[in-house]
Amino acid sequence: MGTDNWRPSASIEVLKQRALVLQKIRHFFAERDVFEVDTPALCHATVTDEHLHSFSTQFNHPFTPHPCTLYLQTSPEFAMKRLLCAGSGAIYQICKSFRNEETGQFHNPEFTMLEWYRPGFNHLQLMTEIDELIQLILGCDKAERVTYQDIFKQHLQCDPLTATLADLKTLANRYGYAELAATENNKDTLLMLLFSQHVEPHIGQNRPCFVMDFPASQAALAKISSANPLVAERIELYFQGTELANGFHELTDGAEQLRRFEEDNIKRQSKGLEMMPIDQNFLAAINFGLPACAGVALGIDRLLMLAFSCSKIDQVIAFENSRA
């Protein structure tokens, strides 16, 4: 450890600016009657998504013989949806989220998330509100909107919704991923690889860009479109090489939600990953009734990198992981 490791990774000036941006965000929601909530970071269950990796810890409860496993949340989504089911109305949260993944230009294992939910909104109405917030914080132009299918076809000359596994393997081979493609039997893994490497770098360069209508197989917690069963009502926001936000017209069907969680765990098992406990409190809430709503998770640190023209996440957080 260097002798200077006690110092913050962000300058005090940037941290003061950060505080002002958070103040602005809270004012934005106060004006719209969206109220701030606070949910647990440590829970008895966590996400099943094979692409997300949770930290876990042991809680030695004084009145039980065995330690209990608790998980640091990758986002406050499940708990916030339980509040929606209990009748909270429109809510937002600014909180720490945790992912047991790499550190790097855009990643720190502990980061700040802004998440909000709007009962009565669909994903298109939510996009308009996200756009208003982004323009307020970044002073940028209004975002453009493109579909996943159109932007994929434009940059890779392939239709991601109808391409077969063989088509995607051929495409992956052409771009130098032959070794990976040879053993990969999941279309979505290849789609995500091709999209992240050959589509994302080209979108949202001059103004923010929403990508809409993701493949139904990448729905996560979004509804499948009634107009086109091949796509999910899911959106992502990109700007200047940064993925900023991920939003859904939220799935409200408890049986379908359980099916997706179980499917996730089967995928995890096939990859040699630990199966994750399904959040029964969340499922009970959904079965009680989640109001029709749209929600979004937005990375605050990444937003601040853009706002302050910083090239690394370390420059906008007080103590990045190696100094924590």
C-alpha atoms as a PDB file:
ATOM      1  CA  MET A   1       0.000   0.000   0.000  1.00  0.00           C
ATOM      2  CA  GLY A   2       1.342   3.417  -0.935  1.00  0.00           C
ATOM      3  CA  THR A   3       1.572   6.039   1.769  1.00  0.00           C
ATOM      4  CA  ASP A   4      -0.978   8.123  -0.145  1.00  0.00           C
ATOM      5  CA  ASN A   5      -3.620   5.388  -0.196  1.00  0.00           C
ATOM      6  CA  TRP A   6      -5.544   7.137   2.591  1.00  0.00           C
ATOM      7  CA  ARG A   7      -6.416   9.963   0.206  1.00  0.00           C
ATOM      8  CA  PRO A   8      -9.743   9.987  -1.679  1.00  0.00           C
ATOM      9  CA  SER A   9      -9.674   8.852  -5.297  1.00  0.00           C
ATOM     10  CA  ALA A  10     -11.919  11.781  -6.312  1.00  0.00           C
ATOM     11  CA  SER A  11     -10.931  15.387  -5.681  1.00  0.00           C
ATOM     12  CA  ILE A  12     -12.812  17.279  -2.960  1.00  0.00           C
ATOM     13  CA  GLU A  13     -14.053  19.668  -5.668  1.00  0.00           C
ATOM     14  CA  VAL A  14     -15.607  16.788  -7.632  1.00  0.00           C
ATOM     15  CA  LEU A  15     -17.182  15.416  -4.441  1.00  0.00           C
ATOM     16  CA  LYS A  16     -18.784  18.820  -3.781  1.00  0.00           C
ATOM     17  CA  GLN A  17     -20.089  18.871  -7.365  1.00  0.00           C
ATOM     18  CA  ARG A  18     -21.376  15.335  -6.869  1.00  0.00           C
ATOM     19  CA  ALA A  19     -23.370  16.477  -3.829  1.00  0.00           C
ATOM     20  CA  LEU A  20     -24.944  19.271  -5.892  1.00  0.00           C
ATOM     21  CA  VAL A  21     -25.986  16.819  -8.641  1.00  0.00           C
ATOM     22  CA  LEU A  22     -27.616  14.511  -6.074  1.00  0.00           C
ATOM     23  CA  GLN A  23     -29.452  17.542  -4.678  1.00  0.00           C
ATOM     24  CA  LYS A  24     -30.686  18.357  -8.206  1.00  0.00           C
ATOM     25  CA  ILE A  25     -31.908  14.778  -8.730  1.00  0.00           C
ATOM     26  CA  ARG A  26     -33.826  14.818  -5.442  1.00  0.00           C
ATOM     27  CA  HIS A  27     -35.401  18.153  -6.410  1.00  0.00           C
ATOM     28  CA  PHE A  28     -36.379  16.695  -9.821  1.00  0.00           C
ATOM     29  CA  PHE A  29     -38.364  13.920  -8.104  1.00  0.00           C
ATOM     30  CA  ALA A  30     -39.796  16.157  -5.372  1.00  0.00           C
ATOM     31  CA  GLU A  31     -41.300  18.380  -8.084  1.00  0.00           C
ATOM     32  CA  ARG A  32     -42.946  15.308  -9.624  1.00  0.00           C
ATOM     33  CA  ASP A  33     -44.317  13.886  -6.334  1.00  0.00           C
ATOM     34  CA  VAL A  34     -42.111  10.802  -6.505  1.00  0.00           C
ATOM     35  CA  PHE A  35     -41.062  10.048  -2.931  1.00  0.00           C
ATOM     36  CA  GLU A  36     -37.705   8.739  -1.736  1.00  0.00           C
ATOM     37  CA  VAL A  37     -37.488   5.312  -0.079  1.00  0.00           C
ATOM     38  CA  ASP A  38     -34.767   3.295   1.635  1.00  0.00           C
ATOM     39  CA  THR A  39     -34.661  -0.529   1.385  1.00  0.00           C
ATOM     40  CA  PRO A  40     -32.243  -3.157   2.790  1.00  0.00           C
ATOM     41  CA  ALA A  41     -28.851  -3.722   1.211  1.00  0.00           C
ATOM     42  CA  LEU A  42     -28.626  -7.145   2.972  1.00  0.00           C
ATOM     43  CA  CYS A  43     -31.396  -9.631   2.101  1.00  0.00           C
ATOM     44  CA  HIS A  44     -32.149 -13.349   2.426  1.00  0.00           C
ATOM     45  CA  ALA A  45     -32.309 -13.811  -1.368  1.00  0.00           C
ATOM     46  CA  THR A  46     -30.839 -12.210  -4.448  1.00  0.00           C
ATOM     47  CA  VAL A  47     -31.049 -12.112  -8.247  1.00  0.00           C
ATOM     48  CA  THR A  48     -30.912 -15.344 -10.253  1.00  0.00           C
ATOM     49  CA  ASP A  49     -29.637 -13.680 -13.462  1.00  0.00           C
ATOM     50  CA  GLU A  50     -26.615 -15.675 -14.707  1.00  0.00           C
ATOM     51  CA  HIS A  51     -24.838 -12.443 -15.720  1.00  0.00           C
ATOM     52  CA  LEU A  52     -25.026 -10.897 -12.220  1.00  0.00           C
ATOM     53  CA  HIS A  53     -22.831 -12.047  -9.335  1.00  0.00           C
ATOM     54  CA  SER A  54     -23.830 -11.260  -5.752  1.00  0.00           C
ATOM     55  CA  PHE A  55     -21.668 -10.931  -2.656  1.00  0.00           C
ATOM     56  CA  SER A  56     -22.810 -13.060   0.259  1.00  0.00           C
ATOM     57  CA  THR A  57     -22.017 -13.003   3.953  1.00  0.00           C
ATOM     58  CA  GLN A  58     -22.901 -15.021   7.062  1.00  0.00           C
ATOM     59  CA  PHE A  59     -25.144 -13.584   9.772  1.00  0.00           C
ATOM     60  CA  ASN A  60     -24.607 -15.251  13.142  1.00  0.00           C
ATOM     61  CA  HIS A  61     -28.031 -14.805  14.656  1.00  0.00           C
ATOM     62  CA  PRO A  62     -27.843 -15.252  18.452  1.00  0.00           C
ATOM     63  CA  PHE A  63     -31.069 -17.318  18.583  1.00  0.00           C
ATOM     64  CA  THR A  64     -30.465 -19.776  15.746  1.00  0.00           C
ATOM     65  CA  PRO A  65     -27.993 -22.679  15.745  1.00  0.00           C
ATOM     66  CA  HIS A  66     -26.659 -22.109  12.231  1.00  0.00           C
ATOM     67  CA  PRO A  67     -25.393 -18.963  10.542  1.00  0.00           C
ATOM     68  CA  CYS A  68     -27.758 -17.498   7.969  1.00  0.00           C
ATOM     69  CA  THR A  69     -26.574 -16.496   4.481  1.00  0.00           C
ATOM     70  CA  LEU A  70     -27.413 -12.929   3.481  1.00  0.00           C
ATOM     71  CA  TYR A  71     -26.776 -11.298   0.103  1.00  0.00           C
ATOM     72  CA  LEU A  72     -25.735  -7.754  -0.725  1.00  0.00           C
ATOM     73  CA  GLN A  73     -28.218  -6.521  -3.323  1.00  0.00           C
ATOM     74  CA  THR A  74     -27.193  -5.963  -6.946  1.00  0.00           C
ATOM     75  CA  SER A  75     -30.019  -3.377  -7.110  1.00  0.00           C
ATOM     76  CA  PRO A  76     -32.951  -2.394  -4.867  1.00  0.00           C
ATOM     77  CA  GLU A  77     -35.487  -3.655  -7.434  1.00  0.00           C
ATOM     78  CA  PHE A  78     -37.176  -6.518  -5.546  1.00  0.00           C
ATOM     79  CA  ALA A  79     -37.659  -4.537  -2.327  1.00  0.00           C
ATOM     80  CA  MET A  80     -38.926  -1.459  -4.184  1.00  0.00           C
ATOM     81  CA  LYS A  81     -41.463  -3.582  -6.070  1.00  0.00           C
ATOM     82  CA  ARG A  82     -42.674  -4.967  -2.721  1.00  0.00           C
ATOM     83  CA  LEU A  83     -43.354  -1.356  -1.675  1.00  0.00           C
ATOM     84  CA  LEU A  84     -45.265  -0.773  -4.928  1.00  0.00           C
ATOM     85  CA  CYS A  85     -47.380  -3.876  -4.196  1.00  0.00           C
ATOM     86  CA  ALA A  86     -48.092  -2.435  -0.727  1.00  0.00           C
ATOM     87  CA  GLY A  87     -49.482   0.748  -2.322  1.00  0.00           C
ATOM     88  CA  SER A  88     -46.539   3.155  -2.173  1.00  0.00           C
ATOM     89  CA  GLY A  89     -47.244   4.884  -5.495  1.00  0.00           C
ATOM     90  CA  ALA A  90     -44.362   6.492  -7.420  1.00  0.00           C
ATOM     91  CA  ILE A  91     -41.010   5.983  -5.639  1.00  0.00           C
ATOM     92  CA  TYR A  92     -37.269   6.459  -6.155  1.00  0.00           C
ATOM     93  CA  GLN A  93     -34.096   5.486  -4.313  1.00  0.00           C
ATOM     94  CA  ILE A  94     -30.447   6.522  -4.418  1.00  0.00           C
ATOM     95  CA  CYS A  95     -28.446   3.714  -2.830  1.00  0.00           C
ATOM     96  CA  LYS A  96     -25.329   1.581  -2.817  1.00  0.00           C
ATOM     97  CA  SER A  97     -25.555  -1.565  -4.937  1.00  0.00           C
ATOM     98  CA  PHE A  98     -22.999  -4.370  -5.032  1.00  0.00           C
ATOM     99  CA  ARG A  99     -21.781  -6.676  -7.812  1.00  0.00           C
ATOM    100  CA  ASN A 100     -19.003  -9.222  -7.435  1.00  0.00           C
ATOM    101  CA  GLU A 101     -17.503  -8.378 -10.800  1.00  0.00           C
ATOM    102  CA  GLU A 102     -14.460  -6.681 -12.251  1.00  0.00           C
ATOM    103  CA  THR A 103     -13.149  -3.255 -11.360  1.00  0.00           C
ATOM    104  CA  GLY A 104     -12.207  -0.956 -14.209  1.00  0.00           C
ATOM    105  CA  GLN A 105     -13.032   2.186 -16.143  1.00  0.00           C
ATOM    106  CA  PHE A 106     -16.796   1.883 -15.519  1.00  0.00           C
ATOM    107  CA  HIS A 107     -16.913  -0.689 -12.711  1.00  0.00           C
ATOM    108  CA  ASN A 108     -16.444  -0.677  -8.946  1.00  0.00           C
ATOM    109  CA  PRO A 109     -17.837  -3.576  -6.864  1.00  0.00           C
ATOM    110  CA  GLU A 110     -19.778  -1.033  -4.768  1.00  0.00           C
ATOM    111  CA  PHE A 111     -21.525   1.722  -6.736  1.00  0.00           C
ATOM    112  CA  THR A 112     -24.388   4.198  -6.476  1.00  0.00           C
ATOM    113  CA  MET A 113     -27.670   3.390  -8.181  1.00  0.00           C
ATOM    114  CA  LEU A 114     -30.662   5.608  -8.862  1.00  0.00           C
ATOM    115  CA  GLU A 115     -33.770   3.516  -9.333  1.00  0.00           C
ATOM    116  CA  TRP A 116     -37.332   4.714  -9.786  1.00  0.00           C
ATOM    117  CA  TYR A 117     -40.800   3.316 -10.523  1.00  0.00           C
ATOM    118  CA  ARG A 118     -43.826   4.973 -12.064  1.00  0.00           C
ATOM    119  CA  PRO A 119     -47.219   3.278 -11.644  1.00  0.00           C
ATOM    120  CA  GLY A 120     -49.386   3.977 -14.693  1.00  0.00           C
ATOM    121  CA  PHE A 121     -46.381   4.571 -16.991  1.00  0.00           C
ATOM    122  CA  ASN A 122     -45.249   2.286 -19.778  1.00  0.00           C
ATOM    123  CA  HIS A 123     -41.610   2.136 -20.926  1.00  0.00           C
ATOM    124  CA  LEU A 124     -42.183   4.819 -23.581  1.00  0.00           C
ATOM    125  CA  GLN A 125     -43.516   7.351 -21.051  1.00  0.00           C
ATOM    126  CA  LEU A 126     -40.664   6.479 -18.706  1.00  0.00           C
ATOM    127  CA  MET A 127     -38.142   7.140 -21.501  1.00  0.00           C
ATOM    128  CA  THR A 128     -39.438  10.699 -21.759  1.00  0.00           C
ATOM    129  CA  GLU A 129     -38.897  11.260 -18.021  1.00  0.00           C
ATOM    130  CA  ILE A 130     -35.408   9.683 -18.071  1.00  0.00           C
ATOM    131  CA  ASP A 131     -34.591  11.958 -21.009  1.00  0.00           C
ATOM    132  CA  GLU A 132     -35.717  15.043 -19.037  1.00  0.00           C
ATOM    133  CA  LEU A 133     -33.475  14.078 -16.103  1.00  0.00           C
ATOM    134  CA  ILE A 134     -30.455  13.415 -18.349  1.00  0.00           C
ATOM    135  CA  GLN A 135     -30.887  16.748 -20.123  1.00  0.00           C
ATOM    136  CA  LEU A 136     -31.140  18.513 -16.742  1.00  0.00           C
ATOM    137  CA  ILE A 137     -27.935  16.934 -15.379  1.00  0.00           C
ATOM    138  CA  LEU A 138     -25.808  16.835 -18.534  1.00  0.00           C
ATOM    139  CA  GLY A 139     -27.167  19.806 -20.500  1.00  0.00           C
ATOM    140  CA  CYS A 140     -27.258  17.525 -23.549  1.00  0.00           C
ATOM    141  CA  ASP A 141     -29.644  17.263 -26.495  1.00  0.00           C
ATOM    142  CA  LYS A 142     -32.833  15.208 -26.420  1.00  0.00           C
ATOM    143  CA  ALA A 143     -32.144  11.466 -26.779  1.00  0.00           C
ATOM    144  CA  GLU A 144     -32.793   9.553 -29.971  1.00  0.00           C
ATOM    145  CA  ARG A 145     -34.691   6.245 -29.947  1.00  0.00           C
ATOM    146  CA  VAL A 146     -33.794   3.149 -31.971  1.00  0.00           C
ATOM    147  CA  THR A 147     -34.872  -0.490 -31.815  1.00  0.00           C
ATOM    148  CA  TYR A 148     -32.409  -3.251 -30.946  1.00  0.00           C
ATOM    149  CA  GLN A 149     -33.332  -5.000 -34.201  1.00  0.00           C
ATOM    150  CA  ASP A 150     -32.686  -1.950 -36.411  1.00  0.00           C
ATOM    151  CA  ILE A 151     -29.389  -0.947 -34.802  1.00  0.00           C
ATOM    152  CA  PHE A 152     -28.085  -4.548 -34.853  1.00  0.00           C
ATOM    153  CA  LYS A 153     -28.997  -4.921 -38.537  1.00  0.00           C
ATOM    154  CA  GLN A 154     -27.402  -1.551 -39.331  1.00  0.00           C
ATOM    155  CA  HIS A 155     -24.009  -2.428 -37.820  1.00  0.00           C
ATOM    156  CA  LEU A 156     -23.856  -6.210 -38.243  1.00  0.00           C
ATOM    157  CA  GLN A 157     -26.119  -6.871 -41.278  1.00  0.00           C
ATOM    158  CA  CYS A 158     -27.953  -9.568 -39.330  1.00  0.00           C
ATOM    159  CA  ASP A 159     -31.481  -9.715 -37.859  1.00  0.00           C
ATOM    160  CA  PRO A 160     -31.008 -10.547 -34.154  1.00  0.00           C
ATOM    161  CA  LEU A 161     -34.651 -11.577 -33.706  1.00  0.00           C
ATOM    162  CA  THR A 162     -34.706 -14.272 -36.391  1.00  0.00           C
ATOM    163  CA  ALA A 163     -31.012 -15.329 -36.572  1.00  0.00           C
ATOM    164  CA  THR A 164     -30.346 -18.977 -35.696  1.00  0.00           C
ATOM    165  CA  LEU A 165     -27.549 -20.129 -33.398  1.00  0.00           C
ATOM    166  CA  ALA A 166     -25.637 -21.204 -36.530  1.00  0.00           C
ATOM    167  CA  ASP A 167     -26.085 -17.706 -38.049  1.00  0.00           C
ATOM    168  CA  LEU A 168     -24.695 -16.083 -34.905  1.00  0.00           C
ATOM    169  CA  LYS A 169     -21.752 -18.506 -34.732  1.00  0.00           C
ATOM    170  CA  THR A 170     -20.883 -17.643 -38.341  1.00  0.00           C
ATOM    171  CA  LEU A 171     -21.085 -13.938 -37.497  1.00  0.00           C
ATOM    172  CA  ALA A 172     -18.954 -14.423 -34.359  1.00  0.00           C
ATOM    173  CA  ASN A 173     -16.354 -16.317 -36.427  1.00  0.00           C
ATOM    174  CA  ARG A 174     -16.216 -13.434 -38.901  1.00  0.00           C
ATOM    175  CA  TYR A 175     -15.389 -11.005 -36.059  1.00  0.00           C
ATOM    176  CA  GLY A 176     -12.667 -13.182 -34.546  1.00  0.00           C
ATOM    177  CA  TYR A 177     -14.574 -15.027 -31.790  1.00  0.00           C
ATOM    178  CA  ALA A 178     -14.248 -18.515 -33.348  1.00  0.00           C
ATOM    179  CA  GLU A 179     -12.877 -20.111 -30.177  1.00  0.00           C
ATOM    180  CA  LEU A 180     -15.743 -18.842 -28.030  1.00  0.00           C
ATOM    181  CA  ALA A 181     -18.373 -19.542 -30.708  1.00  0.00           C
ATOM    182  CA  ALA A 182     -17.273 -23.164 -31.062  1.00  0.00           C
ATOM    183  CA  THR A 183     -18.429 -24.080 -27.524  1.00  0.00           C
ATOM    184  CA  GLU A 184     -21.249 -21.540 -27.003  1.00  0.00           C
ATOM    185  CA  ASN A 185     -24.795 -22.856 -27.385  1.00  0.00           C
ATOM    186  CA  ASN A 186     -26.665 -19.868 -25.987  1.00  0.00           C
ATOM    187  CA  LYS A 187     -27.819 -17.400 -28.642  1.00  0.00           C
ATOM    188  CA  ASP A 188     -28.053 -14.571 -26.098  1.00  0.00           C
ATOM    189  CA  THR A 189     -24.416 -14.894 -25.035  1.00  0.00           C
ATOM    190  CA  LEU A 190     -23.376 -14.417 -28.675  1.00  0.00           C
ATOM    191  CA  LEU A 191     -25.898 -11.586 -29.205  1.00  0.00           C
ATOM    192  CA  MET A 192     -24.611  -9.778 -26.086  1.00  0.00           C
ATOM    193  CA  LEU A 193     -20.989 -10.211 -27.157  1.00  0.00           C
ATOM    194  CA  LEU A 194     -21.605  -8.917 -30.691  1.00  0.00           C
ATOM    195  CA  PHE A 195     -23.829  -6.075 -29.454  1.00  0.00           C
ATOM    196  CA  SER A 196     -21.353  -4.882 -26.786  1.00  0.00           C
ATOM    197  CA  GLN A 197     -18.322  -5.000 -29.091  1.00  0.00           C
ATOM    198  CA  HIS A 198     -19.717  -3.931 -32.457  1.00  0.00           C
ATOM    199  CA  VAL A 199     -22.924  -1.946 -31.829  1.00  0.00           C
ATOM    200  CA  GLU A 200     -22.575  -0.146 -28.473  1.00  0.00           C
ATOM    201  CA  PRO A 201     -19.388   1.757 -29.483  1.00  0.00           C
ATOM    202  CA  HIS A 202     -21.293   3.399 -32.361  1.00  0.00           C
ATOM    203  CA  ILE A 203     -24.476   4.562 -30.612  1.00  0.00           C
ATOM    204  CA  GLY A 204     -25.214   7.676 -28.587  1.00  0.00           C
ATOM    205  CA  GLN A 205     -21.996   9.439 -29.514  1.00  0.00           C
ATOM    206  CA  ASN A 206     -23.375  12.969 -30.052  1.00  0.00           C
ATOM    207  CA  ARG A 207     -26.551  12.726 -28.039  1.00  0.00           C
ATOM    208  CA  PRO A 208     -27.997  10.064 -25.727  1.00  0.00           C
ATOM    209  CA  CYS A 209     -29.626   7.083 -27.415  1.00  0.00           C
ATOM    210  CA  PHE A 210     -32.351   4.754 -26.136  1.00  0.00           C
ATOM    211  CA  VAL A 211     -32.285   1.218 -27.496  1.00  0.00           C
ATOM    212  CA  MET A 212     -35.791  -0.288 -27.291  1.00  0.00           C
ATOM    213  CA  ASP A 213     -37.426  -3.674 -27.874  1.00  0.00           C
ATOM    214  CA  PHE A 214     -34.717  -6.088 -26.766  1.00  0.00           C
ATOM    215  CA  PRO A 215     -35.044  -9.752 -27.820  1.00  0.00           C
ATOM    216  CA  ALA A 216     -37.716 -11.513 -25.727  1.00  0.00           C
ATOM    217  CA  SER A 217     -35.028 -13.928 -24.449  1.00  0.00           C
ATOM    218  CA  GLN A 218     -33.325 -10.911 -22.796  1.00  0.00           C
ATOM    219  CA  ALA A 219     -36.506  -9.640 -21.117  1.00  0.00           C
ATOM    220  CA  ALA A 220     -35.125  -9.927 -17.540  1.00  0.00           C
ATOM    221  CA  LEU A 221     -38.063  -8.461 -15.554  1.00  0.00           C
ATOM    222  CA  ALA A 222     -39.841  -6.775 -18.490  1.00  0.00           C
ATOM    223  CA  LYS A 223     -43.137  -7.614 -20.176  1.00  0.00           C
ATOM    224  CA  ILE A 224     -43.109  -9.290 -23.566  1.00  0.00           C
ATOM    225  CA  SER A 225     -44.609  -6.964 -26.184  1.00  0.00           C
ATOM    226  CA  SER A 226     -48.229  -7.745 -27.084  1.00  0.00           C
ATOM    227  CA  ALA A 227     -47.576  -6.283 -30.564  1.00  0.00           C
ATOM    228  CA  ASN A 228     -44.523  -8.488 -31.235  1.00  0.00           C
ATOM    229  CA  PRO A 229     -43.831 -11.636 -29.138  1.00  0.00           C
ATOM    230  CA  LEU A 230     -40.205 -11.630 -30.334  1.00  0.00           C
ATOM    231  CA  VAL A 231     -39.400  -8.517 -28.274  1.00  0.00           C
ATOM    232  CA  ALA A 232     -39.522  -7.386 -24.649  1.00  0.00           C
ATOM    233  CA  GLU A 233     -40.612  -3.915 -23.496  1.00  0.00           C
ATOM    234  CA  ARG A 234     -37.124  -3.193 -22.225  1.00  0.00           C
ATOM    235  CA  ILE A 235     -34.968  -0.096 -22.812  1.00  0.00           C
ATOM    236  CA  GLU A 236     -31.310   0.780 -22.333  1.00  0.00           C
ATOM    237  CA  LEU A 237     -29.755   4.239 -22.488  1.00  0.00           C
ATOM    238  CA  TYR A 238     -26.296   4.847 -23.976  1.00  0.00           C
ATOM    239  CA  PHE A 239     -24.259   8.025 -24.222  1.00  0.00           C
ATOM    240  CA  GLN A 240     -20.660   8.544 -25.343  1.00  0.00           C
ATOM    241  CA  GLY A 241     -19.635   4.925 -24.963  1.00  0.00           C
ATOM    242  CA  THR A 242     -21.359   4.489 -21.591  1.00  0.00           C
ATOM    243  CA  GLU A 243     -24.334   2.284 -20.760  1.00  0.00           C
ATOM    244  CA  LEU A 244     -26.239   4.527 -18.350  1.00  0.00           C
ATOM    245  CA  ALA A 245     -29.610   2.950 -17.624  1.00  0.00           C
ATOM    246  CA  ASN A 246     -31.725  -0.170 -17.998  1.00  0.00           C
ATOM    247  CA  GLY A 247     -35.514   0.074 -17.786  1.00  0.00           C
ATOM    248  CA  PHE A 248     -38.620  -2.080 -18.154  1.00  0.00           C
ATOM    249  CA  HIS A 249     -42.335  -1.965 -18.643  1.00  0.00           C
ATOM    250  CA  GLU A 250     -42.497  -4.204 -15.592  1.00  0.00           C
ATOM    251  CA  LEU A 251     -43.639  -7.813 -15.607  1.00  0.00           C
ATOM    252  CA  THR A 252     -46.661  -8.197 -13.290  1.00  0.00           C
ATOM    253  CA  ASP A 253     -47.372 -11.923 -13.806  1.00  0.00           C
ATOM    254  CA  GLY A 254     -46.144 -13.912 -10.772  1.00  0.00           C
ATOM    255  CA  ALA A 255     -46.233 -17.328 -12.498  1.00  0.00           C
ATOM    256  CA  GLU A 256     -44.183 -16.032 -15.438  1.00  0.00           C
ATOM    257  CA  GLN A 257     -41.755 -14.368 -13.006  1.00  0.00           C
ATOM    258  CA  LEU A 258     -41.203 -17.658 -11.151  1.00  0.00           C
ATOM    259  CA  ARG A 259     -40.696 -19.491 -14.478  1.00  0.00           C
ATOM    260  CA  ARG A 260     -37.984 -16.984 -15.470  1.00  0.00           C
ATOM    261  CA  PHE A 261     -36.217 -17.304 -12.100  1.00  0.00           C
ATOM    262  CA  GLU A 262     -36.223 -21.112 -12.377  1.00  0.00           C
ATOM    263  CA  GLU A 263     -34.955 -20.907 -15.961  1.00  0.00           C
ATOM    264  CA  ASP A 264     -32.145 -18.590 -14.786  1.00  0.00           C
ATOM    265  CA  ASN A 265     -31.085 -21.152 -12.183  1.00  0.00           C
ATOM    266  CA  ILE A 266     -31.033 -23.938 -14.800  1.00  0.00           C
ATOM    267  CA  LYS A 267     -28.739 -21.728 -16.927  1.00  0.00           C
ATOM    268  CA  ARG A 268     -26.550 -21.045 -13.879  1.00  0.00           C
ATOM    269  CA  GLN A 269     -26.286 -24.770 -13.161  1.00  0.00           C
ATOM    270  CA  SER A 270     -25.315 -25.535 -16.772  1.00  0.00           C
ATOM    271  CA  LYS A 271     -22.474 -22.974 -16.490  1.00  0.00           C
ATOM    272  CA  GLY A 272     -21.207 -24.379 -13.195  1.00  0.00           C
ATOM    273  CA  LEU A 273     -22.445 -21.327 -11.264  1.00  0.00           C
ATOM    274  CA  GLU A 274     -24.072 -21.542  -7.835  1.00  0.00           C
ATOM    275  CA  MET A 275     -27.881 -21.645  -7.964  1.00  0.00           C
ATOM    276  CA  MET A 276     -29.416 -18.669  -6.172  1.00  0.00           C
ATOM    277  CA  PRO A 277     -32.297 -18.729  -3.668  1.00  0.00           C
ATOM    278  CA  ILE A 278     -35.471 -17.322  -5.228  1.00  0.00           C
ATOM    279  CA  ASP A 279     -36.863 -14.302  -3.370  1.00  0.00           C
ATOM    280  CA  GLN A 280     -40.140 -15.675  -1.983  1.00  0.00           C
ATOM    281  CA  ASN A 281     -41.120 -12.331  -0.400  1.00  0.00           C
ATOM    282  CA  PHE A 282     -40.827 -10.709  -3.817  1.00  0.00           C
ATOM    283  CA  LEU A 283     -42.899 -13.443  -5.493  1.00  0.00           C
ATOM    284  CA  ALA A 284     -45.564 -13.230  -2.769  1.00  0.00           C
ATOM    285  CA  ALA A 285     -45.773  -9.462  -3.374  1.00  0.00           C
ATOM    286  CA  ILE A 286     -46.097  -9.909  -7.164  1.00  0.00           C
ATOM    287  CA  ASN A 287     -48.816 -12.527  -6.637  1.00  0.00           C
ATOM    288  CA  PHE A 288     -50.617 -10.113  -4.318  1.00  0.00           C
ATOM    289  CA  GLY A 289     -50.508  -7.568  -7.133  1.00  0.00           C
ATOM    290  CA  LEU A 290     -47.897  -5.293  -8.703  1.00  0.00           C
ATOM    291  CA  PRO A 291     -49.593  -2.255 -10.245  1.00  0.00           C
ATOM    292  CA  ALA A 292     -48.979  -1.712 -13.962  1.00  0.00           C
ATOM    293  CA  CYS A 293     -45.770   0.346 -13.941  1.00  0.00           C
ATOM    294  CA  ALA A 294     -42.433   1.102 -15.551  1.00  0.00           C
ATOM    295  CA  GLY A 295     -39.103   1.296 -13.754  1.00  0.00           C
ATOM    296  CA  VAL A 296     -35.472   2.080 -14.434  1.00  0.00           C
ATOM    297  CA  ALA A 297     -32.043   1.654 -12.828  1.00  0.00           C
ATOM    298  CA  LEU A 298     -29.488   4.346 -13.649  1.00  0.00           C
ATOM    299  CA  GLY A 299     -25.801   4.339 -12.684  1.00  0.00           C
ATOM    300  CA  ILE A 300     -25.127   7.573 -10.796  1.00  0.00           C
ATOM    301  CA  ASP A 301     -21.329   7.243 -10.919  1.00  0.00           C
ATOM    302  CA  ARG A 302     -21.384   6.804 -14.702  1.00  0.00           C
ATOM    303  CA  LEU A 303     -23.726   9.781 -15.041  1.00  0.00           C
ATOM    304  CA  LEU A 304     -21.263  11.858 -13.006  1.00  0.00           C
ATOM    305  CA  MET A 305     -18.346  10.694 -15.184  1.00  0.00           C
ATOM    306  CA  LEU A 306     -20.186  12.223 -18.144  1.00  0.00           C
ATOM    307  CA  ALA A 307     -21.229  15.345 -16.214  1.00  0.00           C
ATOM    308  CA  PHE A 308     -17.654  16.067 -15.087  1.00  0.00           C
ATOM    309  CA  SER A 309     -15.832  14.747 -18.204  1.00  0.00           C
ATOM    310  CA  CYS A 310     -14.010  12.077 -16.158  1.00  0.00           C
ATOM    311  CA  SER A 311     -12.564   9.025 -17.908  1.00  0.00           C
ATOM    312  CA  LYS A 312     -12.608   6.650 -14.906  1.00  0.00           C
ATOM    313  CA  ILE A 313     -15.187   5.832 -12.227  1.00  0.00           C
ATOM    314  CA  ASP A 314     -12.459   6.309  -9.551  1.00  0.00           C
ATOM    315  CA  GLN A 315     -12.519  10.045 -10.282  1.00  0.00           C
ATOM    316  CA  VAL A 316     -16.133  10.488  -9.111  1.00  0.00           C
ATOM    317  CA  ILE A 317     -16.252   8.282  -5.989  1.00  0.00           C
ATOM    318  CA  ALA A 318     -14.655   9.131  -2.658  1.00  0.00           C
ATOM    319  CA  PHE A 319     -12.688   5.891  -2.224  1.00  0.00           C
ATOM    320  CA  GLU A 320     -12.614   3.331  -5.034  1.00  0.00           C
ATOM    321  CA  ASN A 321     -12.198  -0.293  -4.040  1.00  0.00           C
ATOM    322  CA  SER A 322      -8.396  -0.480  -3.680  1.00  0.00           C
ATOM    323  CA  ARG A 323      -8.552   2.467  -1.222  1.00  0.00           C
ATOM    324  CA  ALA A 324     -11.676   1.323   0.619  1.00  0.00           C
END
